[in-house]
Amino acid sequence: MKKKIIISINLVLILILSSCGLFLKPSASSNVLKIETYVEIYDEYGNRIFVDGKINGYPIVLKDGQTGITVKISEIKSLYLNTQMFDYNYNLESGVVKISLFKKSNLSKNTVELQKQLDGSIIVYTYEVDKSKLNIWLDNLLEESWAKNTSVKNIISSDENIIASNYLISILKSSPIGTGYFKTGAKGNVRIKSVILK
């Protein structure tokens, strides 16, 4: 009799727990990132960009054209951005972290850095580059869809030619490249392997 009661109670518990979903495998949607605190990062030219980093120890993520962290915060205890070229000011305003970038004062000539725009495409920043041709060799391939699409490999504007393909982004101008930024349109999770000036 006691055995039947114990078995019945166990069965009831299993039914209750299984109806709560405790025995189900987590669905793919449960692993989807959800931004809880939005982060707006602006370079000194007014471009809104994504820079890898952490706020209060939480990684800054880029998702669906927005940047942020996956937790709600009420104060900024720590903030780090992965940039060698920029210093930054920041504040928390109406629940949004706002970050303004400005060039470091002690930069060396011919400094080059890659960051991303909100669509995931690569933006190149330069500081006092005294040559008219800049080859940036990458540590990883540009996205396959980009590399295969010949209609977007070469971006030609009135000011400069930008060529992006495979492991290389090249910027060519008729005058020294100088200080500024270049929107390449190329996409990929890449870092600079080496920079060659000509």
C-alpha atoms as a PDB file:
ATOM      1  CA  MET A   1       0.000   0.000   0.000  1.00  0.00           C
ATOM      2  CA  LYS A   2       2.774   2.415   1.011  1.00  0.00           C
ATOM      3  CA  LYS A   3       4.663   1.484  -2.154  1.00  0.00           C
ATOM      4  CA  LYS A   4       1.663   2.369  -4.340  1.00  0.00           C
ATOM      5  CA  ILE A   5       1.239   5.721  -2.588  1.00  0.00           C
ATOM      6  CA  ILE A   6       4.943   6.578  -3.053  1.00  0.00           C
ATOM      7  CA  ILE A   7       4.834   5.567  -6.720  1.00  0.00           C
ATOM      8  CA  SER A   8       1.661   7.618  -7.235  1.00  0.00           C
ATOM      9  CA  ILE A   9       3.206  10.671  -5.581  1.00  0.00           C
ATOM     10  CA  ASN A  10       6.351  10.310  -7.737  1.00  0.00           C
ATOM     11  CA  LEU A  11       4.265  10.036 -10.905  1.00  0.00           C
ATOM     12  CA  VAL A  12       2.275  13.140  -9.972  1.00  0.00           C
ATOM     13  CA  LEU A  13       5.519  15.060  -9.268  1.00  0.00           C
ATOM     14  CA  ILE A  14       7.003  13.977 -12.607  1.00  0.00           C
ATOM     15  CA  LEU A  15       3.844  15.091 -14.425  1.00  0.00           C
ATOM     16  CA  ILE A  16       3.875  18.473 -12.680  1.00  0.00           C
ATOM     17  CA  LEU A  17       7.588  19.061 -13.340  1.00  0.00           C
ATOM     18  CA  SER A  18       7.371  17.952 -16.959  1.00  0.00           C
ATOM     19  CA  SER A  19       4.420  20.288 -17.562  1.00  0.00           C
ATOM     20  CA  CYS A  20       6.641  23.134 -16.317  1.00  0.00           C
ATOM     21  CA  GLY A  21       9.156  22.221 -19.015  1.00  0.00           C
ATOM     22  CA  LEU A  22      11.978  21.231 -16.673  1.00  0.00           C
ATOM     23  CA  PHE A  23      12.743  18.082 -18.660  1.00  0.00           C
ATOM     24  CA  LEU A  24      12.705  19.753 -22.054  1.00  0.00           C
ATOM     25  CA  LYS A  25      15.886  20.646 -23.909  1.00  0.00           C
ATOM     26  CA  PRO A  26      16.383  24.395 -24.134  1.00  0.00           C
ATOM     27  CA  SER A  27      15.189  25.724 -27.464  1.00  0.00           C
ATOM     28  CA  ALA A  28      17.386  27.713 -29.809  1.00  0.00           C
ATOM     29  CA  SER A  29      15.439  30.849 -28.926  1.00  0.00           C
ATOM     30  CA  SER A  30      16.507  30.567 -25.290  1.00  0.00           C
ATOM     31  CA  ASN A  31      20.116  31.129 -26.427  1.00  0.00           C
ATOM     32  CA  VAL A  32      19.282  34.290 -28.389  1.00  0.00           C
ATOM     33  CA  LEU A  33      20.892  37.428 -26.999  1.00  0.00           C
ATOM     34  CA  LYS A  34      18.531  40.092 -25.754  1.00  0.00           C
ATOM     35  CA  ILE A  35      19.853  43.591 -25.226  1.00  0.00           C
ATOM     36  CA  GLU A  36      18.685  44.980 -21.875  1.00  0.00           C
ATOM     37  CA  THR A  37      20.810  48.145 -21.759  1.00  0.00           C
ATOM     38  CA  TYR A  38      21.435  49.930 -25.043  1.00  0.00           C
ATOM     39  CA  VAL A  39      24.848  51.421 -25.786  1.00  0.00           C
ATOM     40  CA  GLU A  40      25.433  54.226 -28.275  1.00  0.00           C
ATOM     41  CA  ILE A  41      29.052  54.675 -29.396  1.00  0.00           C
ATOM     42  CA  TYR A  42      29.896  57.702 -31.555  1.00  0.00           C
ATOM     43  CA  ASP A  43      33.243  58.431 -33.185  1.00  0.00           C
ATOM     44  CA  GLU A  44      34.501  62.006 -33.407  1.00  0.00           C
ATOM     45  CA  TYR A  45      33.049  62.298 -36.935  1.00  0.00           C
ATOM     46  CA  GLY A  46      29.494  61.572 -35.749  1.00  0.00           C
ATOM     47  CA  ASN A  47      29.364  57.971 -37.007  1.00  0.00           C
ATOM     48  CA  ARG A  48      27.583  55.537 -34.707  1.00  0.00           C
ATOM     49  CA  ILE A  49      29.715  52.396 -34.540  1.00  0.00           C
ATOM     50  CA  PHE A  50      30.316  49.152 -32.654  1.00  0.00           C
ATOM     51  CA  VAL A  51      33.491  48.710 -30.604  1.00  0.00           C
ATOM     52  CA  ASP A  52      34.204  45.461 -28.812  1.00  0.00           C
ATOM     53  CA  GLY A  53      34.393  45.971 -25.048  1.00  0.00           C
ATOM     54  CA  LYS A  54      32.773  45.478 -21.651  1.00  0.00           C
ATOM     55  CA  ILE A  55      30.559  47.479 -19.329  1.00  0.00           C
ATOM     56  CA  ASN A  56      30.479  46.363 -15.677  1.00  0.00           C
ATOM     57  CA  GLY A  57      32.133  43.149 -16.889  1.00  0.00           C
ATOM     58  CA  TYR A  58      29.404  42.382 -19.474  1.00  0.00           C
ATOM     59  CA  PRO A  59      30.384  42.198 -23.176  1.00  0.00           C
ATOM     60  CA  ILE A  60      29.053  44.837 -25.543  1.00  0.00           C
ATOM     61  CA  VAL A  61      27.210  43.047 -28.355  1.00  0.00           C
ATOM     62  CA  LEU A  62      26.026  44.029 -31.823  1.00  0.00           C
ATOM     63  CA  LYS A  63      22.593  42.652 -32.677  1.00  0.00           C
ATOM     64  CA  ASP A  64      20.145  43.677 -35.397  1.00  0.00           C
ATOM     65  CA  GLY A  65      21.809  47.044 -35.916  1.00  0.00           C
ATOM     66  CA  GLN A  66      21.856  47.878 -32.193  1.00  0.00           C
ATOM     67  CA  THR A  67      24.619  47.761 -29.602  1.00  0.00           C
ATOM     68  CA  GLY A  68      24.210  47.011 -25.925  1.00  0.00           C
ATOM     69  CA  ILE A  69      24.691  44.589 -23.054  1.00  0.00           C
ATOM     70  CA  THR A  70      22.428  41.737 -21.985  1.00  0.00           C
ATOM     71  CA  VAL A  71      21.721  43.014 -18.462  1.00  0.00           C
ATOM     72  CA  LYS A  72      19.926  46.070 -17.120  1.00  0.00           C
ATOM     73  CA  ILE A  73      22.240  48.438 -15.263  1.00  0.00           C
ATOM     74  CA  SER A  74      21.574  51.528 -13.162  1.00  0.00           C
ATOM     75  CA  GLU A  75      25.183  52.745 -12.953  1.00  0.00           C
ATOM     76  CA  ILE A  76      28.467  52.348 -14.806  1.00  0.00           C
ATOM     77  CA  LYS A  77      31.050  50.814 -12.490  1.00  0.00           C
ATOM     78  CA  SER A  78      33.588  49.979 -15.189  1.00  0.00           C
ATOM     79  CA  LEU A  79      33.896  50.433 -18.939  1.00  0.00           C
ATOM     80  CA  TYR A  80      36.549  49.123 -21.325  1.00  0.00           C
ATOM     81  CA  LEU A  81      36.705  49.446 -25.119  1.00  0.00           C
ATOM     82  CA  ASN A  82      39.082  47.490 -27.360  1.00  0.00           C
ATOM     83  CA  THR A  83      40.695  50.414 -29.167  1.00  0.00           C
ATOM     84  CA  GLN A  84      44.295  51.586 -29.479  1.00  0.00           C
ATOM     85  CA  MET A  85      43.430  54.795 -31.301  1.00  0.00           C
ATOM     86  CA  PHE A  86      40.672  56.350 -29.199  1.00  0.00           C
ATOM     87  CA  ASP A  87      40.062  57.578 -25.675  1.00  0.00           C
ATOM     88  CA  TYR A  88      36.461  57.998 -24.616  1.00  0.00           C
ATOM     89  CA  ASN A  89      33.982  59.775 -22.367  1.00  0.00           C
ATOM     90  CA  TYR A  90      30.790  58.056 -21.241  1.00  0.00           C
ATOM     91  CA  ASN A  91      27.647  58.508 -19.192  1.00  0.00           C
ATOM     92  CA  LEU A  92      24.367  56.735 -18.450  1.00  0.00           C
ATOM     93  CA  GLU A  93      21.459  58.800 -19.703  1.00  0.00           C
ATOM     94  CA  SER A  94      17.824  57.638 -19.395  1.00  0.00           C
ATOM     95  CA  GLY A  95      18.978  54.015 -19.190  1.00  0.00           C
ATOM     96  CA  VAL A  96      21.232  54.279 -22.279  1.00  0.00           C
ATOM     97  CA  VAL A  97      25.044  54.210 -22.100  1.00  0.00           C
ATOM     98  CA  LYS A  98      26.393  56.970 -24.346  1.00  0.00           C
ATOM     99  CA  ILE A  99      30.059  56.845 -25.337  1.00  0.00           C
ATOM    100  CA  SER A 100      31.970  59.520 -27.266  1.00  0.00           C
ATOM    101  CA  LEU A 101      35.295  58.612 -28.861  1.00  0.00           C
ATOM    102  CA  PHE A 102      38.159  61.037 -29.498  1.00  0.00           C
ATOM    103  CA  LYS A 103      41.682  60.376 -30.754  1.00  0.00           C
ATOM    104  CA  LYS A 104      44.428  59.783 -28.209  1.00  0.00           C
ATOM    105  CA  SER A 105      46.884  62.646 -27.931  1.00  0.00           C
ATOM    106  CA  ASN A 106      50.024  60.489 -28.179  1.00  0.00           C
ATOM    107  CA  LEU A 107      49.286  58.586 -31.393  1.00  0.00           C
ATOM    108  CA  SER A 108      52.132  57.669 -33.714  1.00  0.00           C
ATOM    109  CA  LYS A 109      52.029  58.664 -37.379  1.00  0.00           C
ATOM    110  CA  ASN A 110      50.631  56.023 -39.752  1.00  0.00           C
ATOM    111  CA  THR A 111      48.286  54.528 -37.121  1.00  0.00           C
ATOM    112  CA  VAL A 112      45.449  52.421 -38.580  1.00  0.00           C
ATOM    113  CA  GLU A 113      42.492  50.793 -36.784  1.00  0.00           C
ATOM    114  CA  LEU A 114      39.438  48.757 -37.815  1.00  0.00           C
ATOM    115  CA  GLN A 115      36.033  48.965 -36.166  1.00  0.00           C
ATOM    116  CA  LYS A 116      32.500  48.093 -37.307  1.00  0.00           C
ATOM    117  CA  GLN A 117      29.467  50.048 -38.365  1.00  0.00           C
ATOM    118  CA  LEU A 118      26.063  49.007 -37.038  1.00  0.00           C
ATOM    119  CA  ASP A 119      25.388  46.913 -40.158  1.00  0.00           C
ATOM    120  CA  GLY A 120      28.531  44.886 -39.376  1.00  0.00           C
ATOM    121  CA  SER A 121      30.620  46.404 -42.171  1.00  0.00           C
ATOM    122  CA  ILE A 122      34.204  47.461 -41.526  1.00  0.00           C
ATOM    123  CA  ILE A 123      35.216  51.088 -41.049  1.00  0.00           C
ATOM    124  CA  VAL A 124      38.932  51.987 -41.282  1.00  0.00           C
ATOM    125  CA  TYR A 125      40.372  54.830 -39.196  1.00  0.00           C
ATOM    126  CA  THR A 126      43.704  56.420 -40.100  1.00  0.00           C
ATOM    127  CA  TYR A 127      45.979  58.904 -38.357  1.00  0.00           C
ATOM    128  CA  GLU A 128      48.554  60.937 -40.273  1.00  0.00           C
ATOM    129  CA  VAL A 129      49.129  58.282 -42.926  1.00  0.00           C
ATOM    130  CA  ASP A 130      51.697  59.946 -45.184  1.00  0.00           C
ATOM    131  CA  LYS A 131      51.351  57.589 -48.170  1.00  0.00           C
ATOM    132  CA  SER A 132      48.688  57.424 -50.879  1.00  0.00           C
ATOM    133  CA  LYS A 133      48.298  53.624 -50.839  1.00  0.00           C
ATOM    134  CA  LEU A 134      47.414  51.614 -47.742  1.00  0.00           C
ATOM    135  CA  ASN A 135      47.244  47.804 -47.736  1.00  0.00           C
ATOM    136  CA  ILE A 136      45.686  46.240 -44.634  1.00  0.00           C
ATOM    137  CA  TRP A 137      46.343  42.496 -44.412  1.00  0.00           C
ATOM    138  CA  LEU A 138      43.781  40.697 -42.254  1.00  0.00           C
ATOM    139  CA  ASP A 139      44.075  37.729 -39.904  1.00  0.00           C
ATOM    140  CA  ASN A 140      40.913  36.133 -41.294  1.00  0.00           C
ATOM    141  CA  LEU A 141      38.930  36.015 -44.533  1.00  0.00           C
ATOM    142  CA  LEU A 142      36.260  38.588 -45.202  1.00  0.00           C
ATOM    143  CA  GLU A 143      32.785  37.056 -45.155  1.00  0.00           C
ATOM    144  CA  GLU A 144      32.304  34.559 -47.964  1.00  0.00           C
ATOM    145  CA  SER A 145      29.185  36.254 -49.315  1.00  0.00           C
ATOM    146  CA  TRP A 146      31.177  39.480 -49.603  1.00  0.00           C
ATOM    147  CA  ALA A 147      34.234  37.876 -51.223  1.00  0.00           C
ATOM    148  CA  LYS A 148      32.136  35.982 -53.792  1.00  0.00           C
ATOM    149  CA  ASN A 149      30.057  38.982 -54.796  1.00  0.00           C
ATOM    150  CA  THR A 150      32.225  40.667 -57.424  1.00  0.00           C
ATOM    151  CA  SER A 151      29.821  43.586 -57.807  1.00  0.00           C
ATOM    152  CA  VAL A 152      30.700  44.833 -54.317  1.00  0.00           C
ATOM    153  CA  LYS A 153      34.399  43.934 -54.102  1.00  0.00           C
ATOM    154  CA  ASN A 154      35.469  47.312 -55.463  1.00  0.00           C
ATOM    155  CA  ILE A 155      33.936  50.446 -54.026  1.00  0.00           C
ATOM    156  CA  ILE A 156      34.827  53.560 -55.994  1.00  0.00           C
ATOM    157  CA  SER A 157      33.908  57.023 -54.761  1.00  0.00           C
ATOM    158  CA  SER A 158      34.873  60.483 -55.921  1.00  0.00           C
ATOM    159  CA  ASP A 159      37.570  60.750 -53.241  1.00  0.00           C
ATOM    160  CA  GLU A 160      39.254  57.370 -53.106  1.00  0.00           C
ATOM    161  CA  ASN A 161      39.291  53.788 -54.322  1.00  0.00           C
ATOM    162  CA  ILE A 162      38.672  51.068 -51.754  1.00  0.00           C
ATOM    163  CA  ILE A 163      39.316  47.463 -52.721  1.00  0.00           C
ATOM    164  CA  ALA A 164      38.319  44.675 -50.331  1.00  0.00           C
ATOM    165  CA  SER A 165      38.738  40.980 -51.040  1.00  0.00           C
ATOM    166  CA  ASN A 166      39.747  37.815 -49.163  1.00  0.00           C
ATOM    167  CA  TYR A 167      42.472  38.844 -46.643  1.00  0.00           C
ATOM    168  CA  LEU A 168      43.034  42.385 -47.897  1.00  0.00           C
ATOM    169  CA  ILE A 169      41.549  45.872 -47.674  1.00  0.00           C
ATOM    170  CA  SER A 170      43.330  48.474 -49.844  1.00  0.00           C
ATOM    171  CA  ILE A 171      42.792  52.216 -49.861  1.00  0.00           C
ATOM    172  CA  LEU A 172      44.239  54.234 -52.760  1.00  0.00           C
ATOM    173  CA  LYS A 173      44.196  58.015 -53.120  1.00  0.00           C
ATOM    174  CA  SER A 174      45.857  60.506 -55.429  1.00  0.00           C
ATOM    175  CA  SER A 175      47.221  62.330 -52.357  1.00  0.00           C
ATOM    176  CA  PRO A 176      48.417  61.122 -48.913  1.00  0.00           C
ATOM    177  CA  ILE A 177      45.632  59.356 -46.991  1.00  0.00           C
ATOM    178  CA  GLY A 178      46.136  61.485 -43.879  1.00  0.00           C
ATOM    179  CA  THR A 179      43.726  61.418 -40.917  1.00  0.00           C
ATOM    180  CA  GLY A 180      40.132  60.282 -41.287  1.00  0.00           C
ATOM    181  CA  TYR A 181      37.893  57.277 -41.853  1.00  0.00           C
ATOM    182  CA  PHE A 182      36.847  55.049 -44.741  1.00  0.00           C
ATOM    183  CA  LYS A 183      33.619  53.029 -44.912  1.00  0.00           C
ATOM    184  CA  THR A 184      34.621  49.874 -46.783  1.00  0.00           C
ATOM    185  CA  GLY A 185      31.301  48.032 -47.026  1.00  0.00           C
ATOM    186  CA  ALA A 186      33.228  44.776 -46.426  1.00  0.00           C
ATOM    187  CA  LYS A 187      32.124  42.442 -43.637  1.00  0.00           C
ATOM    188  CA  GLY A 188      33.922  39.881 -41.514  1.00  0.00           C
ATOM    189  CA  ASN A 189      35.278  39.143 -38.040  1.00  0.00           C
ATOM    190  CA  VAL A 190      38.791  40.300 -38.785  1.00  0.00           C
ATOM    191  CA  ARG A 191      41.732  42.006 -37.137  1.00  0.00           C
ATOM    192  CA  ILE A 192      44.753  43.717 -38.643  1.00  0.00           C
ATOM    193  CA  LYS A 193      47.638  41.320 -39.276  1.00  0.00           C
ATOM    194  CA  SER A 194      49.922  43.870 -40.913  1.00  0.00           C
ATOM    195  CA  VAL A 195      49.804  47.276 -42.584  1.00  0.00           C
ATOM    196  CA  ILE A 196      51.871  48.134 -45.676  1.00  0.00           C
ATOM    197  CA  LEU A 197      52.170  51.721 -46.874  1.00  0.00           C
ATOM    198  CA  LYS A 198      53.251  52.605 -50.408  1.00  0.00           C
END
